[in-house]
Amino acid sequence: MTLTLITANRNYSSWSLRPWLLMKALGIPFEDRLEPFTKPSNYEDFRAFSPTGQVPVLIDGERTVWDSFGIALYLADRYPQVWPASEDARAWAMSASAEMHGGFAALRSDCTMNVGVRVAPKPMSDALRKDVGRIAELWAEGLGCFGGPWLAGDAFTAVDAFYAPVAFRVRTYGLEVGVAGQGWVDNMLAHPAIREWETAALAEHWREASHEAELAICGTITADYRAR
């Protein structure tokens, strides 16, 4: 039975990007279903298919799997390539993915994801500086310990998918993540699956007012490549 992955707008939805990219990059077949953000709260509409009223959601027959981390864990039971084969790399990748999933609140709020724009950011808060520094440290550690070019070795795994939205943020806001980290960002942004996501993001015509308002708080838009 074909898996169905339900996601939201390509420009905005960092949580959607993670399992979508993971499945695309690993060649896991799925039906791609888009449910766009259309208003500040989509909770009631999304409750029709999601127990939390949020995306992403994976549908496997009669089974519903929600939350990007829950989806990754579910897929890993069926596709072992979701995590690195090496025990050391796997332990690191799982820990780093969990840290991304549960942390970096300042990065999320001060550098909201919007694929199609470039932004001159407002001055960094101490919390954002700490988040960016920790991400640079993590990336350098993974690339240094496991040899790259991906964060946990020579194969794309879930940890790369979990940090993929940060690659877009690095480019959008011009964040400094060190030489090793920038190398990973460049590698990620060149991946065919991430380019497919970006192409779809740039083609989106709709805008959602609350997401655009959040972006305006983050800084000044210097370029907008989205479709008009």
Protein backbone atom coordinates (compact mmCIF):
# COMPACT_ATOMS: atom_id res chain seq x y z
CA MET A 1 0.00 0.00 0.00
CA THR A 2 1.30 3.43 -0.94
CA LEU A 3 2.26 5.79 1.85
CA THR A 4 0.70 9.27 1.76
CA LEU A 5 2.61 12.20 3.22
CA ILE A 6 0.56 15.31 3.99
CA THR A 7 2.54 18.55 4.06
CA ALA A 8 1.95 22.29 3.83
CA ASN A 9 3.34 25.27 1.91
CA ARG A 10 6.84 24.78 0.53
CA ASN A 11 7.88 28.33 1.42
CA TYR A 12 6.93 28.16 5.08
CA SER A 13 6.70 24.62 6.41
CA SER A 14 10.04 23.53 7.82
CA TRP A 15 8.41 20.64 9.69
CA SER A 16 6.93 19.35 6.43
CA LEU A 17 10.28 19.52 4.67
CA ARG A 18 11.97 17.02 6.98
CA PRO A 19 10.05 13.80 6.21
CA TRP A 20 9.35 14.86 2.61
CA LEU A 21 13.06 15.30 1.94
CA LEU A 22 13.99 12.14 3.82
CA MET A 23 11.63 10.02 1.75
CA LYS A 24 12.62 11.69 -1.52
CA ALA A 25 16.35 11.42 -0.87
CA LEU A 26 16.14 7.76 0.14
CA GLY A 27 13.81 6.76 -2.67
CA ILE A 28 10.93 5.78 -0.35
CA PRO A 29 7.80 5.88 -2.52
CA PHE A 30 4.88 8.01 -1.35
CA GLU A 31 1.91 10.01 -2.52
CA ASP A 32 2.56 13.73 -2.01
CA ARG A 33 -0.51 15.56 -0.65
CA LEU A 34 -0.35 19.30 -0.06
CA GLU A 35 -2.66 21.02 2.44
CA PRO A 36 -1.65 24.69 2.44
CA PHE A 37 -1.74 27.14 5.31
CA THR A 38 -4.58 29.49 4.39
CA LYS A 39 -5.12 31.44 7.64
CA PRO A 40 -3.42 32.13 10.97
CA SER A 41 -4.89 28.96 12.51
CA ASN A 42 -5.55 25.91 10.36
CA TYR A 43 -6.17 23.70 13.38
CA GLU A 44 -9.80 22.83 12.77
CA ASP A 45 -9.27 22.14 9.05
CA PHE A 46 -6.19 20.02 9.66
CA ARG A 47 -7.93 18.04 12.41
CA ALA A 48 -9.79 16.26 9.60
CA PHE A 49 -6.61 14.27 8.92
CA SER A 50 -4.21 15.07 11.78
CA PRO A 51 -4.80 14.30 15.46
CA THR A 52 -2.76 17.37 16.45
CA GLY A 53 -4.21 19.67 13.80
CA GLN A 54 -0.69 20.07 12.41
CA VAL A 55 1.46 18.78 9.56
CA PRO A 56 3.31 16.67 8.57
CA VAL A 57 1.24 13.52 8.77
CA LEU A 58 2.00 10.12 7.23
CA ILE A 59 -0.91 7.88 6.26
CA ASP A 60 -0.18 4.17 5.94
CA GLY A 61 -3.44 2.42 5.15
CA GLU A 62 -5.62 2.76 8.27
CA ARG A 63 -2.67 3.98 10.33
CA THR A 64 -1.90 7.67 10.92
CA VAL A 65 1.60 8.70 12.00
CA TRP A 66 2.10 12.30 13.08
CA ASP A 67 5.02 14.59 13.95
CA SER A 68 8.21 14.71 11.87
CA PHE A 69 10.22 12.76 14.44
CA GLY A 70 7.48 10.16 14.84
CA ILE A 71 7.41 9.72 11.06
CA ALA A 72 11.19 9.27 10.93
CA LEU A 73 11.06 6.62 13.65
CA TYR A 74 8.20 4.84 11.89
CA LEU A 75 10.04 4.82 8.57
CA ALA A 76 13.26 3.59 10.21
CA ASP A 77 11.49 0.38 11.26
CA ARG A 78 10.84 -0.33 7.59
CA TYR A 79 13.81 1.33 5.87
CA PRO A 80 17.09 0.85 7.80
CA GLN A 81 18.88 3.47 5.68
CA VAL A 82 16.96 6.19 7.55
CA TRP A 83 19.77 6.13 10.16
CA PRO A 84 23.50 5.53 9.64
CA ALA A 85 24.70 1.92 9.70
CA SER A 86 27.56 2.64 12.12
CA GLU A 87 26.49 2.50 15.78
CA ASP A 88 28.57 5.56 16.67
CA ALA A 89 27.22 7.59 13.77
CA ARG A 90 23.69 6.39 14.45
CA ALA A 91 23.84 7.39 18.13
CA TRP A 92 25.15 10.84 17.18
CA ALA A 93 22.59 11.28 14.39
CA MET A 94 19.67 10.34 16.64
CA SER A 95 20.86 12.69 19.39
CA ALA A 96 21.45 15.58 16.97
CA SER A 97 18.05 15.05 15.34
CA ALA A 98 16.30 15.02 18.70
CA GLU A 99 18.14 18.22 19.66
CA MET A 100 16.93 19.89 16.47
CA HIS A 101 13.39 18.65 16.97
CA GLY A 102 13.11 19.92 20.53
CA GLY A 103 15.40 22.94 20.60
CA PHE A 104 16.64 26.06 18.84
CA ALA A 105 13.58 28.14 19.73
CA ALA A 106 15.34 31.45 19.02
CA LEU A 107 16.35 30.32 15.53
CA ARG A 108 12.77 29.32 14.77
CA SER A 109 11.28 32.61 15.99
CA ASP A 110 13.97 35.07 14.87
CA CYS A 111 14.70 33.42 11.50
CA THR A 112 11.39 32.02 10.34
CA MET A 113 11.64 29.81 7.26
CA ASN A 114 10.79 31.37 3.92
CA VAL A 115 12.53 29.68 1.01
CA GLY A 116 11.95 32.31 -1.64
CA VAL A 117 13.34 35.45 -0.04
CA ARG A 118 16.59 36.97 1.16
CA VAL A 119 16.55 39.03 4.33
CA ALA A 120 18.81 41.54 6.04
CA PRO A 121 18.20 40.31 9.59
CA LYS A 122 17.66 42.41 12.67
CA PRO A 123 20.56 42.41 15.19
CA MET A 124 21.05 38.98 16.72
CA SER A 125 19.75 38.32 20.20
CA ASP A 126 22.00 36.44 22.59
CA ALA A 127 19.67 33.46 22.32
CA LEU A 128 19.89 33.40 18.52
CA ARG A 129 23.67 33.77 18.64
CA LYS A 130 23.81 30.79 20.98
CA ASP A 131 21.57 28.69 18.69
CA VAL A 132 23.60 29.47 15.58
CA GLY A 133 26.86 28.76 17.41
CA ARG A 134 25.56 25.42 18.63
CA ILE A 135 24.43 24.42 15.14
CA ALA A 136 27.85 25.31 13.69
CA GLU A 137 29.46 23.26 16.45
CA LEU A 138 27.19 20.27 15.80
CA TRP A 139 27.76 20.32 12.07
CA ALA A 140 31.53 20.58 12.43
CA GLU A 141 31.48 17.70 14.90
CA GLY A 142 29.46 15.40 12.66
CA LEU A 143 31.42 16.21 9.52
CA GLY A 144 34.72 15.87 11.36
CA CYS A 145 33.93 12.62 13.17
CA PHE A 146 32.25 10.74 10.33
CA GLY A 147 34.05 12.08 7.26
CA GLY A 148 31.18 13.77 5.40
CA PRO A 149 29.95 14.92 3.01
CA TRP A 150 26.74 14.37 5.02
CA LEU A 151 26.43 15.06 8.71
CA ALA A 152 26.81 11.44 9.82
CA GLY A 153 28.99 10.04 7.05
CA ASP A 154 28.96 9.37 3.34
CA ALA A 155 25.21 8.73 3.05
CA PHE A 156 22.23 11.07 3.43
CA THR A 157 20.26 10.11 6.56
CA ALA A 158 17.55 11.50 8.82
CA VAL A 159 19.89 13.91 10.58
CA ASP A 160 20.51 15.71 7.29
CA ALA A 161 16.76 15.94 6.70
CA PHE A 162 16.18 17.36 10.17
CA TYR A 163 18.70 20.15 9.64
CA ALA A 164 17.71 20.85 6.02
CA PRO A 165 15.39 23.76 6.95
CA VAL A 166 18.38 25.41 8.63
CA ALA A 167 20.23 25.31 5.30
CA PHE A 168 17.50 27.49 3.84
CA ARG A 169 17.66 29.79 6.86
CA VAL A 170 21.44 30.15 6.53
CA ARG A 171 20.97 31.32 2.96
CA THR A 172 17.93 33.50 3.63
CA TYR A 173 19.47 35.42 6.54
CA GLY A 174 23.19 35.11 5.73
CA LEU A 175 23.96 33.22 8.96
CA GLU A 176 27.59 32.34 9.69
CA VAL A 177 28.02 28.62 10.41
CA GLY A 178 31.74 28.13 9.81
CA VAL A 179 33.63 26.68 6.86
CA ALA A 180 32.57 23.08 7.46
CA GLY A 181 28.97 24.05 8.09
CA GLN A 182 28.77 26.23 5.00
CA GLY A 183 30.14 23.35 2.96
CA TRP A 184 27.31 21.15 4.18
CA VAL A 185 24.77 23.91 3.43
CA ASP A 186 26.07 24.22 -0.13
CA ASN A 187 25.93 20.45 -0.54
CA MET A 188 22.40 20.31 0.83
CA LEU A 189 21.08 23.14 -1.34
CA ALA A 190 22.48 21.36 -4.41
CA HIS A 191 20.71 18.08 -3.63
CA PRO A 192 18.14 17.22 -6.36
CA ALA A 193 15.36 16.70 -3.82
CA ILE A 194 15.94 20.01 -2.05
CA ARG A 195 16.03 21.75 -5.41
CA GLU A 196 12.69 20.14 -6.27
CA TRP A 197 11.25 21.53 -3.01
CA GLU A 198 12.70 24.97 -3.75
CA THR A 199 11.30 25.01 -7.29
CA ALA A 200 7.84 24.28 -5.90
CA ALA A 201 8.28 26.97 -3.23
CA LEU A 202 9.19 29.62 -5.78
CA ALA A 203 6.18 28.68 -7.91
CA GLU A 204 3.68 29.19 -5.07
CA HIS A 205 1.39 32.16 -5.68
CA TRP A 206 -0.44 32.20 -2.35
CA ARG A 207 0.70 34.12 0.70
CA GLU A 208 -0.47 33.60 4.27
CA ALA A 209 -0.65 36.86 6.19
CA SER A 210 0.56 35.67 9.59
CA HIS A 211 3.63 33.96 8.11
CA GLU A 212 4.43 37.07 6.11
CA ALA A 213 4.04 39.18 9.26
CA GLU A 214 6.47 36.92 11.13
CA LEU A 215 8.97 37.34 8.30
CA ALA A 216 8.68 41.14 8.48
CA ILE A 217 9.57 41.03 12.17
CA CYS A 218 12.73 39.02 11.42
CA GLY A 219 14.30 41.67 9.19
CA THR A 220 14.09 43.55 5.90
CA ILE A 221 13.44 41.65 2.69
CA THR A 222 16.20 42.43 0.18
CA ALA A 223 15.08 40.05 -2.58
CA ASP A 224 11.92 38.06 -3.28
CA TYR A 225 12.10 35.31 -5.90
CA ARG A 226 8.60 33.93 -5.36
CA ALA A 227 6.01 33.91 -8.12
CA ARG A 228 3.78 36.96 -8.24
